[in-house]
PDB file of N, CA and C in Angstrom:
ATOM      1  N   UNK A   1       6.537 -16.302  -5.716  1.00  0.00           N
ATOM      2  CA  UNK A   1       6.140 -16.929  -4.453  1.00  0.00           C
ATOM      3  C   UNK A   1       5.891 -15.743  -3.169  1.00  0.00           C
ATOM      4  N   UNK A   2       6.037 -14.534  -3.861  1.00  0.00           N
ATOM      5  CA  UNK A   2       5.855 -13.238  -2.820  1.00  0.00           C
ATOM      6  C   UNK A   2       4.081 -13.155  -2.932  1.00  0.00           C
ATOM      7  N   UNK A   3       3.632 -13.651  -3.713  1.00  0.00           N
ATOM      8  CA  UNK A   3       2.308 -13.421  -3.700  1.00  0.00           C
ATOM      9  C   UNK A   3       1.603 -14.489  -3.003  1.00  0.00           C
ATOM     10  N   UNK A   4       2.140 -15.581  -2.899  1.00  0.00           N
ATOM     11  CA  UNK A   4       2.077 -16.961  -1.954  1.00  0.00           C
ATOM     12  C   UNK A   4       1.709 -16.898  -0.938  1.00  0.00           C
ATOM     13  N   UNK A   5       3.120 -15.562  -0.458  1.00  0.00           N
ATOM     14  CA  UNK A   5       3.090 -15.464   1.327  1.00  0.00           C
ATOM     15  C   UNK A   5       1.476 -14.090   1.491  1.00  0.00           C
ATOM     16  N   UNK A   6       2.382 -12.903   0.859  1.00  0.00           N
ATOM     17  CA  UNK A   6       1.719 -11.946   1.052  1.00  0.00           C
ATOM     18  C   UNK A   6      -0.180 -11.936   0.793  1.00  0.00           C
ATOM     19  N   UNK A   7      -0.275 -12.246  -0.475  1.00  0.00           N
ATOM     20  CA  UNK A   7      -1.531 -11.871  -0.906  1.00  0.00           C
ATOM     21  C   UNK A   7      -2.624 -12.469   0.413  1.00  0.00           C
ATOM     22  N   UNK A   8      -2.814 -13.768   0.537  1.00  0.00           N
ATOM     23  CA  UNK A   8      -3.649 -14.207   1.279  1.00  0.00           C
ATOM     24  C   UNK A   8      -3.671 -13.936   2.413  1.00  0.00           C
ATOM     25  N   UNK A   9      -2.228 -12.627   3.546  1.00  0.00           N
ATOM     26  CA  UNK A   9      -2.326 -12.243   4.530  1.00  0.00           C
ATOM     27  C   UNK A   9      -3.518 -10.998   4.414  1.00  0.00           C
ATOM     28  N   UNK A  10      -3.319 -10.512   3.243  1.00  0.00           N
ATOM     29  CA  UNK A  10      -4.242  -8.727   3.235  1.00  0.00           C
ATOM     30  C   UNK A  10      -5.774  -8.842   3.483  1.00  0.00           C
ATOM     31  N   UNK A  11      -6.126  -8.313   4.320  1.00  0.00           N
ATOM     32  CA  UNK A  11      -7.279  -7.571   4.778  1.00  0.00           C
ATOM     33  C   UNK A  11      -7.743  -6.557   4.287  1.00  0.00           C
ATOM     34  N   UNK A  12      -8.878  -6.559   4.052  1.00  0.00           N
ATOM     35  CA  UNK A  12      -9.520  -5.125   4.473  1.00  0.00           C
ATOM     36  C   UNK A  12      -9.612  -4.300   5.658  1.00  0.00           C
ATOM     37  N   UNK A  13      -9.115  -2.827   5.191  1.00  0.00           N
ATOM     38  CA  UNK A  13      -9.121  -2.226   6.483  1.00  0.00           C
ATOM     39  C   UNK A  13      -9.871  -1.609   6.468  1.00  0.00           C
ATOM     40  N   UNK A  14     -10.562  -2.130   8.018  1.00  0.00           N
ATOM     41  CA  UNK A  14     -11.987  -0.816   8.349  1.00  0.00           C
ATOM     42  C   UNK A  14     -11.797   0.295   8.828  1.00  0.00           C
ATOM     43  N   UNK A  15     -11.045   0.767   9.262  1.00  0.00           N
ATOM     44  CA  UNK A  15     -10.354   2.467   9.538  1.00  0.00           C
ATOM     45  C   UNK A  15      -9.043   2.271  10.183  1.00  0.00           C
ATOM     46  N   UNK A  16      -8.369   3.243  10.026  1.00  0.00           N
ATOM     47  CA  UNK A  16      -6.849   3.351  10.490  1.00  0.00           C
ATOM     48  C   UNK A  16      -6.769   2.959  11.982  1.00  0.00           C
ATOM     49  N   UNK A  17      -7.508   3.558  12.532  1.00  0.00           N
ATOM     50  CA  UNK A  17      -7.574   3.781  14.288  1.00  0.00           C
ATOM     51  C   UNK A  17      -7.950   2.203  14.666  1.00  0.00           C
ATOM     52  N   UNK A  18      -8.934   1.635  14.013  1.00  0.00           N
ATOM     53  CA  UNK A  18      -9.037  -0.258  14.449  1.00  0.00           C
ATOM     54  C   UNK A  18      -7.687  -0.971  14.655  1.00  0.00           C
ATOM     55  N   UNK A  19      -6.882  -0.492  13.501  1.00  0.00           N
ATOM     56  CA  UNK A  19      -6.322  -1.440  13.005  1.00  0.00           C
ATOM     57  C   UNK A  19      -4.794  -0.980  13.979  1.00  0.00           C
ATOM     58  N   UNK A  20      -4.625   0.278  13.819  1.00  0.00           N
ATOM     59  CA  UNK A  20      -3.210   0.806  14.766  1.00  0.00           C
ATOM     60  C   UNK A  20      -3.463   0.537  16.205  1.00  0.00           C
ATOM     61  N   UNK A  21      -4.836   0.456  17.044  1.00  0.00           N
ATOM     62  CA  UNK A  21      -4.735   0.932  18.121  1.00  0.00           C
ATOM     63  C   UNK A  21      -5.164  -0.401  18.667  1.00  0.00           C
ATOM     64  N   UNK A  22      -4.621  -2.011  17.749  1.00  0.00           N
ATOM     65  CA  UNK A  22      -4.654  -2.691  18.218  1.00  0.00           C
ATOM     66  C   UNK A  22      -3.381  -3.408  19.359  1.00  0.00           C
ATOM     67  N   UNK A  23      -3.751  -4.259  20.370  1.00  0.00           N
ATOM     68  CA  UNK A  23      -2.385  -4.371  21.407  1.00  0.00           C
ATOM     69  C   UNK A  23      -1.084  -4.670  20.249  1.00  0.00           C
ATOM     70  N   UNK A  24      -1.297  -5.837  19.186  1.00  0.00           N
ATOM     71  CA  UNK A  24      -0.353  -5.920  18.322  1.00  0.00           C
ATOM     72  C   UNK A  24      -0.013  -5.400  17.672  1.00  0.00           C
ATOM     73  N   UNK A  25      -0.434  -4.181  17.572  1.00  0.00           N
ATOM     74  CA  UNK A  25       0.577  -3.169  16.957  1.00  0.00           C
ATOM     75  C   UNK A  25       1.521  -2.122  17.718  1.00  0.00           C
ATOM     76  N   UNK A  26       0.974  -2.113  18.699  1.00  0.00           N
ATOM     77  CA  UNK A  26       1.958  -1.475  19.646  1.00  0.00           C
ATOM     78  C   UNK A  26       3.624  -2.227  19.441  1.00  0.00           C
ATOM     79  N   UNK A  27       4.605  -0.739  19.780  1.00  0.00           N
ATOM     80  CA  UNK A  27       5.603  -1.437  19.547  1.00  0.00           C
ATOM     81  C   UNK A  27       5.970  -1.511  18.467  1.00  0.00           C
ATOM     82  N   UNK A  28       5.764  -0.991  17.507  1.00  0.00           N
ATOM     83  CA  UNK A  28       5.758  -1.718  15.985  1.00  0.00           C
ATOM     84  C   UNK A  28       6.534  -0.574  15.181  1.00  0.00           C
ATOM     85  N   UNK A  29       6.797  -0.550  13.950  1.00  0.00           N
ATOM     86  CA  UNK A  29       7.593  -0.065  12.917  1.00  0.00           C
ATOM     87  C   UNK A  29       6.186   0.635  12.524  1.00  0.00           C
ATOM     88  N   UNK A  30       6.011   1.369  12.212  1.00  0.00           N
ATOM     89  CA  UNK A  30       4.710   2.282  11.331  1.00  0.00           C
ATOM     90  C   UNK A  30       5.795   2.728   9.683  1.00  0.00           C
ATOM     91  N   UNK A  31       5.200   1.929   8.872  1.00  0.00           N
ATOM     92  CA  UNK A  31       6.148   2.079   7.618  1.00  0.00           C
ATOM     93  C   UNK A  31       5.193   2.177   6.412  1.00  0.00           C
ATOM     94  N   UNK A  32       5.122   3.248   5.966  1.00  0.00           N
ATOM     95  CA  UNK A  32       4.658   4.027   4.688  1.00  0.00           C
ATOM     96  C   UNK A  32       5.265   3.877   3.775  1.00  0.00           C
ATOM     97  N   UNK A  33       4.765   3.336   2.717  1.00  0.00           N
ATOM     98  CA  UNK A  33       5.002   3.247   1.042  1.00  0.00           C
ATOM     99  C   UNK A  33       4.445   4.440   0.361  1.00  0.00           C
ATOM    100  N   UNK A  34       4.989   4.836  -0.562  1.00  0.00           N
ATOM    101  CA  UNK A  34       3.977   6.060  -1.633  1.00  0.00           C
ATOM    102  C   UNK A  34       2.652   6.135  -0.916  1.00  0.00           C
ATOM    103  N   UNK A  35       2.662   6.635  -0.044  1.00  0.00           N
ATOM    104  CA  UNK A  35       1.065   6.955   0.288  1.00  0.00           C
ATOM    105  C   UNK A  35       0.898   8.143  -0.453  1.00  0.00           C
ATOM    106  N   UNK A  36      -0.583   8.025  -0.865  1.00  0.00           N
ATOM    107  CA  UNK A  36      -0.961   9.264  -2.066  1.00  0.00           C
ATOM    108  C   UNK A  36      -1.078  10.815  -1.339  1.00  0.00           C
ATOM    109  N   UNK A  37      -0.447  11.680  -2.070  1.00  0.00           N
ATOM    110  CA  UNK A  37      -0.708  12.797  -1.608  1.00  0.00           C
ATOM    111  C   UNK A  37      -2.025  13.692  -1.408  1.00  0.00           C
ATOM    112  N   UNK A  38      -2.883  12.913  -1.915  1.00  0.00           N
ATOM    113  CA  UNK A  38      -4.195  14.145  -2.303  1.00  0.00           C
ATOM    114  C   UNK A  38      -5.506  13.292  -1.102  1.00  0.00           C
ATOM    115  N   UNK A  39      -4.565  12.367   0.053  1.00  0.00           N
ATOM    116  CA  UNK A  39      -5.256  12.056   0.990  1.00  0.00           C
ATOM    117  C   UNK A  39      -4.604  12.405   2.651  1.00  0.00           C
ATOM    118  N   UNK A  40      -5.313  12.383   3.624  1.00  0.00           N
ATOM    119  CA  UNK A  40      -4.673  12.766   4.606  1.00  0.00           C
ATOM    120  C   UNK A  40      -4.410  11.010   5.596  1.00  0.00           C
ATOM    121  N   UNK A  41      -4.292  10.144   4.247  1.00  0.00           N
ATOM    122  CA  UNK A  41      -3.801   8.599   5.270  1.00  0.00           C
ATOM    123  C   UNK A  41      -2.918   8.349   5.738  1.00  0.00           C
ATOM    124  N   UNK A  42      -1.644   9.048   5.080  1.00  0.00           N
ATOM    125  CA  UNK A  42      -0.382   9.527   6.240  1.00  0.00           C
ATOM    126  C   UNK A  42      -0.807   9.933   7.077  1.00  0.00           C
ATOM    127  N   UNK A  43      -1.153  11.074   7.207  1.00  0.00           N
ATOM    128  CA  UNK A  43      -0.973  11.863   8.477  1.00  0.00           C
ATOM    129  C   UNK A  43      -1.913  11.234   9.312  1.00  0.00           C
ATOM    130  N   UNK A  44      -3.153  10.368   8.839  1.00  0.00           N
ATOM    131  CA  UNK A  44      -3.948   9.839  10.456  1.00  0.00           C
ATOM    132  C   UNK A  44      -3.456   8.725  10.260  1.00  0.00           C
ATOM    133  N   UNK A  45      -2.632   8.407   9.951  1.00  0.00           N
ATOM    134  CA  UNK A  45      -2.182   6.941  10.164  1.00  0.00           C
ATOM    135  C   UNK A  45      -1.067   7.104  10.885  1.00  0.00           C
ATOM    136  N   UNK A  46      -0.138   8.147  10.750  1.00  0.00           N
ATOM    137  CA  UNK A  46       0.610   8.706  11.838  1.00  0.00           C
ATOM    138  C   UNK A  46       0.778   9.174  13.137  1.00  0.00           C
ATOM    139  N   UNK A  47      -0.577  10.010  13.095  1.00  0.00           N
ATOM    140  CA  UNK A  47      -1.404  10.586  14.134  1.00  0.00           C
ATOM    141  C   UNK A  47      -1.666   9.277  15.173  1.00  0.00           C
ATOM    142  N   UNK A  48      -2.525   8.244  14.241  1.00  0.00           N
ATOM    143  CA  UNK A  48      -2.846   7.321  15.476  1.00  0.00           C
ATOM    144  C   UNK A  48      -1.827   6.773  15.923  1.00  0.00           C
ATOM    145  N   UNK A  49      -0.924   6.231  15.015  1.00  0.00           N
ATOM    146  CA  UNK A  49       0.067   5.787  15.745  1.00  0.00           C
ATOM    147  C   UNK A  49       1.102   6.152  16.908  1.00  0.00           C
ATOM    148  N   UNK A  50       1.360   7.887  16.594  1.00  0.00           N
ATOM    149  CA  UNK A  50       1.873   8.411  17.628  1.00  0.00           C
ATOM    150  C   UNK A  50       0.663   8.734  18.953  1.00  0.00           C
ATOM    151  N   UNK A  51      -0.325   8.552  19.034  1.00  0.00           N
ATOM    152  CA  UNK A  51      -1.355   8.689  20.385  1.00  0.00           C
ATOM    153  C   UNK A  51      -1.179   7.498  20.762  1.00  0.00           C
ATOM    154  N   UNK A  52      -1.207   6.759  20.022  1.00  0.00           N
ATOM    155  CA  UNK A  52      -1.458   4.941  20.351  1.00  0.00           C
ATOM    156  C   UNK A  52      -1.017   4.422  21.876  1.00  0.00           C
ATOM    157  N   UNK A  53       0.489   4.695  21.483  1.00  0.00           N
ATOM    158  CA  UNK A  53       1.377   3.836  22.174  1.00  0.00           C
ATOM    159  C   UNK A  53       2.840   4.988  22.959  1.00  0.00           C
ATOM    160  N   UNK A  54       3.329   5.296  23.753  1.00  0.00           N
ATOM    161  CA  UNK A  54       4.598   5.632  23.786  1.00  0.00           C
ATOM    162  C   UNK A  54       5.494   4.750  23.397  1.00  0.00           C
ATOM    163  N   UNK A  55       5.228   3.892  22.978  1.00  0.00           N
ATOM    164  CA  UNK A  55       6.708   2.610  22.713  1.00  0.00           C
ATOM    165  C   UNK A  55       6.409   2.767  20.856  1.00  0.00           C
ATOM    166  N   UNK A  56       5.433   3.316  20.144  1.00  0.00           N
ATOM    167  CA  UNK A  56       5.636   3.650  19.339  1.00  0.00           C
ATOM    168  C   UNK A  56       6.044   4.539  18.761  1.00  0.00           C
ATOM    169  N   UNK A  57       7.878   4.367  17.983  1.00  0.00           N
ATOM    170  CA  UNK A  57       8.685   5.376  18.189  1.00  0.00           C
ATOM    171  C   UNK A  57       9.192   5.438  17.143  1.00  0.00           C
ATOM    172  N   UNK A  58       9.124   4.762  15.821  1.00  0.00           N
ATOM    173  CA  UNK A  58       9.629   4.392  14.667  1.00  0.00           C
ATOM    174  C   UNK A  58       9.018   4.153  13.515  1.00  0.00           C
ATOM    175  N   UNK A  59       9.250   5.246  12.677  1.00  0.00           N
ATOM    176  CA  UNK A  59       8.379   5.420  11.337  1.00  0.00           C
ATOM    177  C   UNK A  59       9.330   5.239  10.245  1.00  0.00           C
ATOM    178  N   UNK A  60       9.117   4.845   8.968  1.00  0.00           N
ATOM    179  CA  UNK A  60       9.765   4.589   7.735  1.00  0.00           C
ATOM    180  C   UNK A  60       8.980   5.361   6.646  1.00  0.00           C
ATOM    181  N   UNK A  61       9.461   6.097   5.955  1.00  0.00           N
ATOM    182  CA  UNK A  61       8.768   6.483   4.934  1.00  0.00           C
ATOM    183  C   UNK A  61       8.930   6.479   3.769  1.00  0.00           C
ATOM    184  N   UNK A  62       8.305   5.667   2.601  1.00  0.00           N
ATOM    185  CA  UNK A  62       9.362   5.995   1.357  1.00  0.00           C
ATOM    186  C   UNK A  62       8.817   6.468   0.906  1.00  0.00           C
ATOM    187  N   UNK A  63       9.117   7.722  -0.111  1.00  0.00           N
ATOM    188  CA  UNK A  63       8.187   8.579  -1.390  1.00  0.00           C
ATOM    189  C   UNK A  63       9.422  10.064  -1.115  1.00  0.00           C
ATOM    190  N   UNK A  64       8.552  11.286  -1.953  1.00  0.00           N
ATOM    191  CA  UNK A  64       9.172  12.021  -2.094  1.00  0.00           C
ATOM    192  C   UNK A  64       9.034  12.816  -1.129  1.00  0.00           C
ATOM    193  N   UNK A  65       9.942  14.224  -0.906  1.00  0.00           N
ATOM    194  CA  UNK A  65       9.394  14.971   0.696  1.00  0.00           C
ATOM    195  C   UNK A  65       8.271  15.930   0.513  1.00  0.00           C
ATOM    196  N   UNK A  66       8.375  16.460   0.984  1.00  0.00           N
ATOM    197  CA  UNK A  66       7.257  18.134   0.804  1.00  0.00           C
ATOM    198  C   UNK A  66       6.856  18.465  -0.407  1.00  0.00           C
ATOM    199  N   UNK A  67       5.844  18.384  -0.382  1.00  0.00           N
ATOM    200  CA  UNK A  67       5.338  19.370  -2.216  1.00  0.00           C
ATOM    201  C   UNK A  67       5.486  18.275  -3.062  1.00  0.00           C
ATOM    202  N   UNK A  68       5.688  16.806  -2.948  1.00  0.00           N
ATOM    203  CA  UNK A  68       6.459  15.992  -3.753  1.00  0.00           C
ATOM    204  C   UNK A  68       5.294  15.500  -4.199  1.00  0.00           C
ATOM    205  N   UNK A  69       5.413  13.922  -4.406  1.00  0.00           N
ATOM    206  CA  UNK A  69       4.388  13.329  -5.302  1.00  0.00           C
ATOM    207  C   UNK A  69       3.657  12.196  -3.910  1.00  0.00           C
ATOM    208  N   UNK A  70       4.031  12.368  -3.025  1.00  0.00           N
ATOM    209  CA  UNK A  70       3.494  11.492  -1.696  1.00  0.00           C
ATOM    210  C   UNK A  70       3.174  12.377  -0.528  1.00  0.00           C
ATOM    211  N   UNK A  71       2.096  11.908   0.169  1.00  0.00           N
ATOM    212  CA  UNK A  71       1.760  12.010   1.165  1.00  0.00           C
ATOM    213  C   UNK A  71       1.344  13.559   1.017  1.00  0.00           C
ATOM    214  N   UNK A  72       0.744  14.321   1.911  1.00  0.00           N
ATOM    215  CA  UNK A  72       0.284  16.015   1.669  1.00  0.00           C
ATOM    216  C   UNK A  72       1.089  16.498   3.246  1.00  0.00           C
ATOM    217  N   UNK A  73       0.939  18.034   3.235  1.00  0.00           N
ATOM    218  CA  UNK A  73       1.520  18.871   3.838  1.00  0.00           C
ATOM    219  C   UNK A  73       1.265  18.482   5.396  1.00  0.00           C
ATOM    220  N   UNK A  74      -0.329  17.936   5.586  1.00  0.00           N
ATOM    221  CA  UNK A  74      -0.410  17.827   7.227  1.00  0.00           C
ATOM    222  C   UNK A  74       0.446  16.695   7.704  1.00  0.00           C
ATOM    223  N   UNK A  75       1.033  15.951   7.315  1.00  0.00           N
ATOM    224  CA  UNK A  75       1.496  14.830   7.382  1.00  0.00           C
ATOM    225  C   UNK A  75       2.863  14.943   7.400  1.00  0.00           C
ATOM    226  N   UNK A  76       3.661  16.125   6.919  1.00  0.00           N
ATOM    227  CA  UNK A  76       5.059  16.811   6.906  1.00  0.00           C
ATOM    228  C   UNK A  76       5.105  18.119   8.120  1.00  0.00           C
ATOM    229  N   UNK A  77       3.701  18.485   8.230  1.00  0.00           N
ATOM    230  CA  UNK A  77       3.718  19.560   9.260  1.00  0.00           C
ATOM    231  C   UNK A  77       3.665  18.860  10.767  1.00  0.00           C
ATOM    232  N   UNK A  78       2.913  17.563  10.655  1.00  0.00           N
ATOM    233  CA  UNK A  78       2.926  16.886  11.815  1.00  0.00           C
ATOM    234  C   UNK A  78       4.333  16.073  12.747  1.00  0.00           C
ATOM    235  N   UNK A  79       5.282  15.635  11.212  1.00  0.00           N
ATOM    236  CA  UNK A  79       6.592  15.491  11.705  1.00  0.00           C
ATOM    237  C   UNK A  79       7.250  16.783  12.052  1.00  0.00           C
ATOM    238  N   UNK A  80       6.386  17.986  11.479  1.00  0.00           N
ATOM    239  CA  UNK A  80       7.907  18.727  12.121  1.00  0.00           C
ATOM    240  C   UNK A  80       7.176  19.603  13.735  1.00  0.00           C
ATOM    241  N   UNK A  81       6.028  19.364  13.807  1.00  0.00           N
ATOM    242  CA  UNK A  81       5.648  20.065  15.176  1.00  0.00           C
ATOM    243  C   UNK A  81       5.140  19.317  15.878  1.00  0.00           C
ATOM    244  N   UNK A  82       5.363  18.093  15.908  1.00  0.00           N
ATOM    245  CA  UNK A  82       5.916  16.788  16.848  1.00  0.00           C
ATOM    246  C   UNK A  82       7.075  16.728  17.615  1.00  0.00           C
ATOM    247  N   UNK A  83       7.223  15.665  18.208  1.00  0.00           N
ATOM    248  CA  UNK A  83       8.685  15.369  18.774  1.00  0.00           C
ATOM    249  C   UNK A  83       9.383  14.511  17.584  1.00  0.00           C
ATOM    250  N   UNK A  84       8.920  13.890  16.788  1.00  0.00           N
ATOM    251  CA  UNK A  84       9.865  13.335  15.677  1.00  0.00           C
ATOM    252  C   UNK A  84      11.120  13.711  14.717  1.00  0.00           C
ATOM    253  N   UNK A  85      12.290  13.349  15.008  1.00  0.00           N
ATOM    254  CA  UNK A  85      13.029  14.001  14.156  1.00  0.00           C
ATOM    255  C   UNK A  85      13.743  12.707  13.298  1.00  0.00           C
ATOM    256  N   UNK A  86      14.431  13.584  12.211  1.00  0.00           N
ATOM    257  CA  UNK A  86      14.589  12.799  11.059  1.00  0.00           C
ATOM    258  C   UNK A  86      15.880  11.900  10.935  1.00  0.00           C
ATOM    259  N   UNK A  87      15.996  10.531  10.871  1.00  0.00           N
ATOM    260  CA  UNK A  87      17.182   9.882  11.776  1.00  0.00           C
ATOM    261  C   UNK A  87      17.834   9.256  10.849  1.00  0.00           C
ATOM    262  N   UNK A  88      17.306   9.239   9.482  1.00  0.00           N
ATOM    263  CA  UNK A  88      18.344   8.400   8.492  1.00  0.00           C
ATOM    264  C   UNK A  88      17.838   8.368   7.345  1.00  0.00           C
ATOM    265  N   UNK A  89      18.369   9.058   6.325  1.00  0.00           N
ATOM    266  CA  UNK A  89      18.292   8.803   4.623  1.00  0.00           C
ATOM    267  C   UNK A  89      18.601   7.853   4.207  1.00  0.00           C
ATOM    268  N   UNK A  90      17.523   7.003   3.285  1.00  0.00           N
ATOM    269  CA  UNK A  90      18.396   5.707   2.264  1.00  0.00           C
ATOM    270  C   UNK A  90      18.333   5.758   0.893  1.00  0.00           C
ATOM    271  N   UNK A  91      18.874   5.839  -0.362  1.00  0.00           N
ATOM    272  CA  UNK A  91      18.224   6.290  -1.707  1.00  0.00           C
ATOM    273  C   UNK A  91      17.204   5.025  -1.900  1.00  0.00           C
ATOM    274  N   UNK A  92      16.843   4.892  -2.948  1.00  0.00           N
ATOM    275  CA  UNK A  92      15.651   3.628  -3.571  1.00  0.00           C
ATOM    276  C   UNK A  92      15.769   3.696  -4.736  1.00  0.00           C
ATOM    277  N   UNK A  93      15.467   2.801  -5.011  1.00  0.00           N
ATOM    278  CA  UNK A  93      15.567   2.529  -6.845  1.00  0.00           C
ATOM    279  C   UNK A  93      13.878   3.262  -7.437  1.00  0.00           C
ATOM    280  N   UNK A  94      14.393   4.233  -8.248  1.00  0.00           N
ATOM    281  CA  UNK A  94      13.198   4.711  -8.486  1.00  0.00           C
ATOM    282  C   UNK A  94      12.520   4.137  -9.710  1.00  0.00           C
ATOM    283  N   UNK A  95      10.961   4.614  -9.872  1.00  0.00           N
ATOM    284  CA  UNK A  95      10.425   4.003 -11.141  1.00  0.00           C
ATOM    285  C   UNK A  95      10.153   4.815 -12.538  1.00  0.00           C
ATOM    286  N   UNK A  96      10.902   4.575 -13.550  1.00  0.00           N
ATOM    287  CA  UNK A  96      11.173   5.412 -14.307  1.00  0.00           C
ATOM    288  C   UNK A  96      12.628   6.003 -14.263  1.00  0.00           C
ATOM    289  N   UNK A  97      12.662   7.418 -15.284  1.00  0.00           N
ATOM    290  CA  UNK A  97      13.844   8.141 -15.316  1.00  0.00           C
ATOM    291  C   UNK A  97      13.852   9.207 -14.601  1.00  0.00           C
ATOM    292  N   UNK A  98      12.732   9.545 -13.753  1.00  0.00           N
ATOM    293  CA  UNK A  98      12.845  10.556 -13.053  1.00  0.00           C
ATOM    294  C   UNK A  98      12.036  10.426 -11.518  1.00  0.00           C
ATOM    295  N   UNK A  99      12.533  10.826 -10.655  1.00  0.00           N
ATOM    296  CA  UNK A  99      11.631  10.478  -9.215  1.00  0.00           C
ATOM    297  C   UNK A  99      12.572  10.922  -8.121  1.00  0.00           C
ATOM    298  N   UNK A 100      12.226  11.637  -6.916  1.00  0.00           N
ATOM    299  CA  UNK A 100      13.549  12.156  -5.922  1.00  0.00           C
ATOM    300  C   UNK A 100      12.869  11.173  -4.794  1.00  0.00           C
ATOM    301  N   UNK A 101      12.457  10.146  -4.698  1.00  0.00           N
ATOM    302  CA  UNK A 101      11.769   9.221  -3.714  1.00  0.00           C
ATOM    303  C   UNK A 101      13.080   8.711  -2.865  1.00  0.00           C
ATOM    304  N   UNK A 102      13.267   8.345  -1.208  1.00  0.00           N
ATOM    305  CA  UNK A 102      14.290   8.164  -0.840  1.00  0.00           C
ATOM    306  C   UNK A 102      13.510   7.542   0.118  1.00  0.00           C
ATOM    307  N   UNK A 103      14.027   6.729   1.072  1.00  0.00           N
ATOM    308  CA  UNK A 103      13.591   6.090   2.218  1.00  0.00           C
ATOM    309  C   UNK A 103      13.813   6.785   3.665  1.00  0.00           C
ATOM    310  N   UNK A 104      13.126   7.373   4.116  1.00  0.00           N
ATOM    311  CA  UNK A 104      13.694   8.001   5.635  1.00  0.00           C
ATOM    312  C   UNK A 104      12.751   7.394   6.581  1.00  0.00           C
ATOM    313  N   UNK A 105      13.788   7.458   7.796  1.00  0.00           N
ATOM    314  CA  UNK A 105      13.603   6.664   9.000  1.00  0.00           C
ATOM    315  C   UNK A 105      13.195   8.023   9.902  1.00  0.00           C
ATOM    316  N   UNK A 106      12.275   8.469  10.850  1.00  0.00           N
ATOM    317  CA  UNK A 106      12.097   8.993  11.725  1.00  0.00           C
ATOM    318  C   UNK A 106      11.922   7.850  12.770  1.00  0.00           C
ATOM    319  N   UNK A 107      12.203   8.891  14.253  1.00  0.00           N
ATOM    320  CA  UNK A 107      12.516   8.307  15.622  1.00  0.00           C
ATOM    321  C   UNK A 107      11.941   9.556  16.264  1.00  0.00           C
ATOM    322  N   UNK A 108      11.296   8.948  17.444  1.00  0.00           N
ATOM    323  CA  UNK A 108      10.654   9.676  18.188  1.00  0.00           C
ATOM    324  C   UNK A 108      11.147  10.209  19.212  1.00  0.00           C
ATOM    325  N   UNK A 109      11.829  11.308  19.798  1.00  0.00           N
ATOM    326  CA  UNK A 109      12.514  11.982  20.942  1.00  0.00           C
ATOM    327  C   UNK A 109      11.922  11.619  21.881  1.00  0.00           C
ATOM    328  N   UNK A 110      12.739  11.107  23.171  1.00  0.00           N
ATOM    329  CA  UNK A 110      12.194  10.365  24.598  1.00  0.00           C
ATOM    330  C   UNK A 110      11.934  11.734  25.067  1.00  0.00           C
ATOM    331  N   UNK A 111      10.694  11.482  25.006  1.00  0.00           N
ATOM    332  CA  UNK A 111       9.735  13.196  25.946  1.00  0.00           C
ATOM    333  C   UNK A 111       9.772  12.868  27.471  1.00  0.00           C
ATOM    334  N   UNK A 112       9.970  11.804  28.045  1.00  0.00           N
ATOM    335  CA  UNK A 112       9.934  11.262  29.347  1.00  0.00           C
ATOM    336  C   UNK A 112      11.084  11.616  29.973  1.00  0.00           C
ATOM    337  N   UNK A 113      12.543  12.152  29.138  1.00  0.00           N
ATOM    338  CA  UNK A 113      13.417  12.735  30.165  1.00  0.00           C
ATOM    339  C   UNK A 113      13.568  13.843  29.237  1.00  0.00           C
ATOM    340  N   UNK A 114      14.550  14.926  29.864  1.00  0.00           N
ATOM    341  CA  UNK A 114      14.587  16.734  29.245  1.00  0.00           C
ATOM    342  C   UNK A 114      15.936  16.136  28.630  1.00  0.00           C
ATOM    343  N   UNK A 115      15.598  15.432  27.345  1.00  0.00           N
ATOM    344  CA  UNK A 115      16.717  15.129  26.828  1.00  0.00           C
ATOM    345  C   UNK A 115      16.108  14.844  24.920  1.00  0.00           C
ATOM    346  N   UNK A 116      17.223  15.582  24.272  1.00  0.00           N
ATOM    347  CA  UNK A 116      16.986  14.965  22.599  1.00  0.00           C
ATOM    348  C   UNK A 116      17.375  13.826  22.004  1.00  0.00           C
ATOM    349  N   UNK A 117      17.485  12.800  22.958  1.00  0.00           N
ATOM    350  CA  UNK A 117      17.706  11.585  22.452  1.00  0.00           C
ATOM    351  C   UNK A 117      16.710  10.973  21.834  1.00  0.00           C
ATOM    352  N   UNK A 118      16.929  10.061  20.704  1.00  0.00           N
ATOM    353  CA  UNK A 118      15.753   9.076  20.149  1.00  0.00           C
ATOM    354  C   UNK A 118      15.704   8.223  20.829  1.00  0.00           C
ATOM    355  N   UNK A 119      14.267   7.551  21.409  1.00  0.00           N
ATOM    356  CA  UNK A 119      14.111   6.309  22.362  1.00  0.00           C
ATOM    357  C   UNK A 119      14.621   4.998  21.244  1.00  0.00           C
TER     358      UNK A 119
END
């Protein structure tokens, strides 16, 4: 049943910018699940998501941490050098007998106030 629901809704992606800058994507959660480590895809999605709208304030990332098999250093550098904080870590079921994947929730600090309170 899940294929009948999701597959017809899958569309080719023209570009990360064209997709994430749409009005309908503003104020939504960006979810990245096992992004490839040899690509800037996760970094570019995070950068565009962050720069598009102040209400874009929650990222859910499923994968391994820095130097793992998901995302690249640019992605983790961006999270560490901007106003994102690690809000929550949750376990996930790993594939096979080894893996270090977790679900990480990042929240953006409210930069409009002089505080360290997530939005």
